[in-house]
């Protein structure tokens, strides 16, 4: 399990290698939730998925992403909010092998 480093910004886009996949993760804070877009090798995997506490974000292998992503809360069980992305709400990448354990 790896932590994906984010900043406390309402909107951000990062490029990161996850499990050998060239990923672009875009995070946007809306009034209702924090939302994520994921692109792998310039191919959109999903767009506008709400980020909820301890909830797998990718979920389906047929989307073409190896592994999964999820947020936790270091101070409770709240859904992630942009103002805590650098410390309170870490984004985790879990490999395919870790998913089946």
C-alpha atoms as a PDB file:
ATOM      1  CA  UNK A   1       0.000   0.000   0.000  1.00  0.00           C
ATOM      2  CA  UNK A   2       1.400   3.394  -1.012  1.00  0.00           C
ATOM      3  CA  UNK A   3       0.361   6.938  -0.135  1.00  0.00           C
ATOM      4  CA  UNK A   4      -0.228   9.298  -3.063  1.00  0.00           C
ATOM      5  CA  UNK A   5       0.920  12.794  -2.049  1.00  0.00           C
ATOM      6  CA  UNK A   6      -1.656  15.549  -2.478  1.00  0.00           C
ATOM      7  CA  UNK A   7      -1.853  19.214  -1.518  1.00  0.00           C
ATOM      8  CA  UNK A   8      -4.548  21.171   0.315  1.00  0.00           C
ATOM      9  CA  UNK A   9      -5.994  22.645  -2.896  1.00  0.00           C
ATOM     10  CA  UNK A  10      -9.587  22.685  -4.158  1.00  0.00           C
ATOM     11  CA  UNK A  11      -8.458  21.615  -7.607  1.00  0.00           C
ATOM     12  CA  UNK A  12      -5.289  19.767  -8.473  1.00  0.00           C
ATOM     13  CA  UNK A  13      -3.901  17.399 -11.044  1.00  0.00           C
ATOM     14  CA  UNK A  14      -0.933  15.144 -10.403  1.00  0.00           C
ATOM     15  CA  UNK A  15       1.014  12.704 -12.541  1.00  0.00           C
ATOM     16  CA  UNK A  16       2.214   9.607 -10.718  1.00  0.00           C
ATOM     17  CA  UNK A  17       3.283   6.059 -11.508  1.00  0.00           C
ATOM     18  CA  UNK A  18       1.107   3.517  -9.684  1.00  0.00           C
ATOM     19  CA  UNK A  19       1.891  -0.157 -10.155  1.00  0.00           C
ATOM     20  CA  UNK A  20       3.812   0.659 -13.336  1.00  0.00           C
ATOM     21  CA  UNK A  21       0.880   2.659 -14.744  1.00  0.00           C
ATOM     22  CA  UNK A  22       1.385   6.256 -15.872  1.00  0.00           C
ATOM     23  CA  UNK A  23      -1.518   7.932 -14.063  1.00  0.00           C
ATOM     24  CA  UNK A  24      -2.972  11.407 -13.983  1.00  0.00           C
ATOM     25  CA  UNK A  25      -5.235  12.015 -11.007  1.00  0.00           C
ATOM     26  CA  UNK A  26      -7.417  15.107 -10.978  1.00  0.00           C
ATOM     27  CA  UNK A  27      -9.117  16.124  -7.723  1.00  0.00           C
ATOM     28  CA  UNK A  28     -11.895  18.723  -7.549  1.00  0.00           C
ATOM     29  CA  UNK A  29     -13.725  19.908  -4.425  1.00  0.00           C
ATOM     30  CA  UNK A  30     -17.385  20.696  -5.038  1.00  0.00           C
ATOM     31  CA  UNK A  31     -19.949  21.744  -2.460  1.00  0.00           C
ATOM     32  CA  UNK A  32     -21.229  18.172  -2.074  1.00  0.00           C
ATOM     33  CA  UNK A  33     -18.049  16.048  -2.211  1.00  0.00           C
ATOM     34  CA  UNK A  34     -14.479  15.733  -3.374  1.00  0.00           C
ATOM     35  CA  UNK A  35     -14.452  14.210  -6.880  1.00  0.00           C
ATOM     36  CA  UNK A  36     -11.751  12.357  -8.798  1.00  0.00           C
ATOM     37  CA  UNK A  37     -10.871  11.749 -12.445  1.00  0.00           C
ATOM     38  CA  UNK A  38      -8.311   9.073 -13.351  1.00  0.00           C
ATOM     39  CA  UNK A  39      -6.417   8.739 -16.619  1.00  0.00           C
ATOM     40  CA  UNK A  40      -3.918   5.947 -17.348  1.00  0.00           C
ATOM     41  CA  UNK A  41      -1.554   6.246 -20.326  1.00  0.00           C
ATOM     42  CA  UNK A  42      -3.714   9.126 -21.611  1.00  0.00           C
ATOM     43  CA  UNK A  43      -6.857   6.938 -21.550  1.00  0.00           C
ATOM     44  CA  UNK A  44      -9.674   8.077 -19.242  1.00  0.00           C
ATOM     45  CA  UNK A  45     -10.543   5.352 -16.715  1.00  0.00           C
ATOM     46  CA  UNK A  46     -13.278   7.305 -14.931  1.00  0.00           C
ATOM     47  CA  UNK A  47     -14.417  10.878 -14.364  1.00  0.00           C
ATOM     48  CA  UNK A  48     -16.327  12.606 -11.600  1.00  0.00           C
ATOM     49  CA  UNK A  49     -16.311   9.786  -9.052  1.00  0.00           C
ATOM     50  CA  UNK A  50     -17.143  10.994  -5.512  1.00  0.00           C
ATOM     51  CA  UNK A  51     -14.449  10.263  -2.941  1.00  0.00           C
ATOM     52  CA  UNK A  52     -15.912   8.785   0.232  1.00  0.00           C
ATOM     53  CA  UNK A  53     -14.282   7.598   3.454  1.00  0.00           C
ATOM     54  CA  UNK A  54     -12.627   4.147   3.091  1.00  0.00           C
ATOM     55  CA  UNK A  55     -14.527   3.484  -0.151  1.00  0.00           C
ATOM     56  CA  UNK A  56     -12.708   1.919  -3.103  1.00  0.00           C
ATOM     57  CA  UNK A  57     -12.767   4.424  -5.931  1.00  0.00           C
ATOM     58  CA  UNK A  58     -11.975   2.265  -8.981  1.00  0.00           C
ATOM     59  CA  UNK A  59     -13.811  -0.925  -7.926  1.00  0.00           C
ATOM     60  CA  UNK A  60     -14.020  -2.652 -11.312  1.00  0.00           C
ATOM     61  CA  UNK A  61     -11.095  -4.395 -12.992  1.00  0.00           C
ATOM     62  CA  UNK A  62     -12.706  -4.101 -16.448  1.00  0.00           C
ATOM     63  CA  UNK A  63     -12.018  -0.345 -16.321  1.00  0.00           C
ATOM     64  CA  UNK A  64      -8.375  -1.128 -17.106  1.00  0.00           C
ATOM     65  CA  UNK A  65      -6.679  -0.020 -13.877  1.00  0.00           C
ATOM     66  CA  UNK A  66      -4.543  -2.428 -11.884  1.00  0.00           C
ATOM     67  CA  UNK A  67      -5.187  -1.962  -8.159  1.00  0.00           C
ATOM     68  CA  UNK A  68      -7.440   0.531  -6.430  1.00  0.00           C
ATOM     69  CA  UNK A  69      -7.478   3.894  -4.674  1.00  0.00           C
ATOM     70  CA  UNK A  70      -9.159   5.005  -1.450  1.00  0.00           C
ATOM     71  CA  UNK A  71      -9.080   7.762   1.161  1.00  0.00           C
ATOM     72  CA  UNK A  72      -8.884   7.302   4.933  1.00  0.00           C
ATOM     73  CA  UNK A  73      -9.347   9.827   7.740  1.00  0.00           C
ATOM     74  CA  UNK A  74      -6.574  10.092  10.343  1.00  0.00           C
ATOM     75  CA  UNK A  75      -8.931  11.801  12.797  1.00  0.00           C
ATOM     76  CA  UNK A  76     -12.184   9.874  12.439  1.00  0.00           C
ATOM     77  CA  UNK A  77     -14.422   8.613   9.646  1.00  0.00           C
ATOM     78  CA  UNK A  78     -15.246  11.724   7.599  1.00  0.00           C
ATOM     79  CA  UNK A  79     -15.331  11.925   3.831  1.00  0.00           C
ATOM     80  CA  UNK A  80     -12.215  13.672   2.483  1.00  0.00           C
ATOM     81  CA  UNK A  81     -12.185  17.440   2.058  1.00  0.00           C
ATOM     82  CA  UNK A  82      -9.572  19.462   0.180  1.00  0.00           C
ATOM     83  CA  UNK A  83      -8.307  21.305   3.264  1.00  0.00           C
ATOM     84  CA  UNK A  84      -6.967  18.067   4.769  1.00  0.00           C
ATOM     85  CA  UNK A  85      -5.534  16.299   1.729  1.00  0.00           C
ATOM     86  CA  UNK A  86      -1.915  16.902   2.728  1.00  0.00           C
ATOM     87  CA  UNK A  87      -2.245  15.291   6.158  1.00  0.00           C
ATOM     88  CA  UNK A  88      -5.675  14.303   7.485  1.00  0.00           C
ATOM     89  CA  UNK A  89      -7.063  12.475   4.420  1.00  0.00           C
ATOM     90  CA  UNK A  90      -4.324  10.372   2.818  1.00  0.00           C
ATOM     91  CA  UNK A  91      -5.004   8.846  -0.596  1.00  0.00           C
ATOM     92  CA  UNK A  92      -3.814   5.238  -0.765  1.00  0.00           C
ATOM     93  CA  UNK A  93      -2.975   3.087  -3.751  1.00  0.00           C
ATOM     94  CA  UNK A  94      -3.374  -0.643  -3.164  1.00  0.00           C
ATOM     95  CA  UNK A  95      -1.967  -3.178  -5.608  1.00  0.00           C
ATOM     96  CA  UNK A  96      -3.891  -6.015  -7.220  1.00  0.00           C
ATOM     97  CA  UNK A  97      -2.065  -8.511  -4.972  1.00  0.00           C
ATOM     98  CA  UNK A  98      -3.018  -6.557  -1.825  1.00  0.00           C
ATOM     99  CA  UNK A  99      -6.665  -6.456  -2.908  1.00  0.00           C
ATOM    100  CA  UNK A 100      -7.031 -10.244  -2.773  1.00  0.00           C
ATOM    101  CA  UNK A 101      -5.464 -10.719   0.664  1.00  0.00           C
END
